[in-house]
């Protein structure tokens, strides 16, 4: 019969919760040849805004709609002139 279960973490290195700073992480990634990975070093609301910008990107759809309408309006007189 089992009376109790116990777990031990004998290695203090595994229990170390220290983390890299943003600059240290960038340096370590560059040293390992992974310098193209972007490191976000913002906290709080800056982090959520940064993630939202990365997810949605720059919204250019309005400019593309305007360009399509412009070229459509430009194409109509060209077709009439050619005929």
C-alpha atoms as a PDB file:
ATOM      1  CA  UNK A   1       0.000   0.000   0.000  1.00  0.00           C
ATOM      2  CA  UNK A   2       1.124   3.545  -0.776  1.00  0.00           C
ATOM      3  CA  UNK A   3       0.890   5.969   2.134  1.00  0.00           C
ATOM      4  CA  UNK A   4       2.171   9.133   0.419  1.00  0.00           C
ATOM      5  CA  UNK A   5       3.955  10.354  -2.674  1.00  0.00           C
ATOM      6  CA  UNK A   6       6.822  12.810  -2.415  1.00  0.00           C
ATOM      7  CA  UNK A   7       8.809  14.615  -5.125  1.00  0.00           C
ATOM      8  CA  UNK A   8      12.251  16.144  -4.683  1.00  0.00           C
ATOM      9  CA  UNK A   9      14.076  18.710  -6.805  1.00  0.00           C
ATOM     10  CA  UNK A  10      17.663  18.035  -5.888  1.00  0.00           C
ATOM     11  CA  UNK A  11      19.239  20.181  -8.583  1.00  0.00           C
ATOM     12  CA  UNK A  12      19.118  23.860  -7.606  1.00  0.00           C
ATOM     13  CA  UNK A  13      19.903  24.775 -11.198  1.00  0.00           C
ATOM     14  CA  UNK A  14      16.546  23.410 -12.378  1.00  0.00           C
ATOM     15  CA  UNK A  15      14.660  25.402  -9.765  1.00  0.00           C
ATOM     16  CA  UNK A  16      16.333  28.707 -10.685  1.00  0.00           C
ATOM     17  CA  UNK A  17      13.651  31.087 -11.960  1.00  0.00           C
ATOM     18  CA  UNK A  18      16.049  33.772 -13.209  1.00  0.00           C
ATOM     19  CA  UNK A  19      15.277  35.010 -16.717  1.00  0.00           C
ATOM     20  CA  UNK A  20      17.105  36.920 -19.428  1.00  0.00           C
ATOM     21  CA  UNK A  21      16.543  40.633 -19.877  1.00  0.00           C
ATOM     22  CA  UNK A  22      15.458  41.696 -23.356  1.00  0.00           C
ATOM     23  CA  UNK A  23      18.990  42.814 -24.259  1.00  0.00           C
ATOM     24  CA  UNK A  24      20.545  39.598 -22.941  1.00  0.00           C
ATOM     25  CA  UNK A  25      18.035  37.536 -24.903  1.00  0.00           C
ATOM     26  CA  UNK A  26      18.756  39.460 -28.119  1.00  0.00           C
ATOM     27  CA  UNK A  27      22.486  38.969 -27.565  1.00  0.00           C
ATOM     28  CA  UNK A  28      22.066  35.239 -26.898  1.00  0.00           C
ATOM     29  CA  UNK A  29      19.885  34.770 -29.994  1.00  0.00           C
ATOM     30  CA  UNK A  30      22.420  36.618 -32.140  1.00  0.00           C
ATOM     31  CA  UNK A  31      25.245  34.506 -30.719  1.00  0.00           C
ATOM     32  CA  UNK A  32      23.352  31.344 -31.686  1.00  0.00           C
ATOM     33  CA  UNK A  33      22.649  32.607 -35.212  1.00  0.00           C
ATOM     34  CA  UNK A  34      18.995  33.440 -34.572  1.00  0.00           C
ATOM     35  CA  UNK A  35      19.286  37.226 -34.834  1.00  0.00           C
ATOM     36  CA  UNK A  36      16.257  37.479 -37.119  1.00  0.00           C
ATOM     37  CA  UNK A  37      13.900  36.648 -34.241  1.00  0.00           C
ATOM     38  CA  UNK A  38      12.177  39.766 -32.890  1.00  0.00           C
ATOM     39  CA  UNK A  39      12.226  40.242 -29.127  1.00  0.00           C
ATOM     40  CA  UNK A  40       9.462  42.379 -27.653  1.00  0.00           C
ATOM     41  CA  UNK A  41      10.741  44.196 -24.589  1.00  0.00           C
ATOM     42  CA  UNK A  42       7.571  46.087 -23.696  1.00  0.00           C
ATOM     43  CA  UNK A  43       5.485  45.365 -20.654  1.00  0.00           C
ATOM     44  CA  UNK A  44       1.889  46.073 -19.618  1.00  0.00           C
ATOM     45  CA  UNK A  45      -0.313  47.770 -22.215  1.00  0.00           C
ATOM     46  CA  UNK A  46       2.643  48.188 -24.566  1.00  0.00           C
ATOM     47  CA  UNK A  47       2.861  44.423 -24.881  1.00  0.00           C
ATOM     48  CA  UNK A  48      -0.793  43.998 -25.869  1.00  0.00           C
ATOM     49  CA  UNK A  49      -0.549  46.873 -28.353  1.00  0.00           C
ATOM     50  CA  UNK A  50       2.607  45.368 -29.827  1.00  0.00           C
ATOM     51  CA  UNK A  51       1.010  41.943 -30.168  1.00  0.00           C
ATOM     52  CA  UNK A  52      -2.079  43.460 -31.788  1.00  0.00           C
ATOM     53  CA  UNK A  53       0.077  45.371 -34.289  1.00  0.00           C
ATOM     54  CA  UNK A  54       2.046  42.215 -35.098  1.00  0.00           C
ATOM     55  CA  UNK A  55      -1.154  40.214 -35.558  1.00  0.00           C
ATOM     56  CA  UNK A  56      -3.057  42.719 -37.688  1.00  0.00           C
ATOM     57  CA  UNK A  57      -0.194  44.578 -39.323  1.00  0.00           C
ATOM     58  CA  UNK A  58      -0.629  47.907 -41.045  1.00  0.00           C
ATOM     59  CA  UNK A  59      -4.104  48.275 -42.482  1.00  0.00           C
ATOM     60  CA  UNK A  60      -3.641  49.170 -46.129  1.00  0.00           C
ATOM     61  CA  UNK A  61      -6.932  47.869 -47.506  1.00  0.00           C
ATOM     62  CA  UNK A  62      -8.430  51.377 -47.773  1.00  0.00           C
ATOM     63  CA  UNK A  63      -5.525  52.529 -49.916  1.00  0.00           C
ATOM     64  CA  UNK A  64      -5.838  49.496 -52.184  1.00  0.00           C
ATOM     65  CA  UNK A  65      -9.590  50.144 -52.672  1.00  0.00           C
ATOM     66  CA  UNK A  66      -8.859  53.769 -53.589  1.00  0.00           C
ATOM     67  CA  UNK A  67      -6.104  52.710 -56.004  1.00  0.00           C
ATOM     68  CA  UNK A  68      -8.420  50.150 -57.646  1.00  0.00           C
ATOM     69  CA  UNK A  69     -11.144  52.781 -58.118  1.00  0.00           C
ATOM     70  CA  UNK A  70      -8.607  55.264 -59.506  1.00  0.00           C
ATOM     71  CA  UNK A  71      -7.284  52.787 -62.070  1.00  0.00           C
ATOM     72  CA  UNK A  72     -10.830  51.755 -62.995  1.00  0.00           C
ATOM     73  CA  UNK A  73     -11.734  55.396 -63.651  1.00  0.00           C
ATOM     74  CA  UNK A  74      -8.512  55.783 -65.630  1.00  0.00           C
ATOM     75  CA  UNK A  75      -9.208  52.656 -67.678  1.00  0.00           C
ATOM     76  CA  UNK A  76     -12.679  53.714 -68.884  1.00  0.00           C
ATOM     77  CA  UNK A  77     -11.484  56.728 -70.968  1.00  0.00           C
ATOM     78  CA  UNK A  78      -8.534  54.712 -72.292  1.00  0.00           C
ATOM     79  CA  UNK A  79     -10.872  52.007 -73.597  1.00  0.00           C
ATOM     80  CA  UNK A  80     -13.067  54.648 -75.289  1.00  0.00           C
ATOM     81  CA  UNK A  81     -10.038  56.330 -76.904  1.00  0.00           C
ATOM     82  CA  UNK A  82      -8.625  53.041 -78.224  1.00  0.00           C
ATOM     83  CA  UNK A  83     -11.966  52.010 -79.806  1.00  0.00           C
END
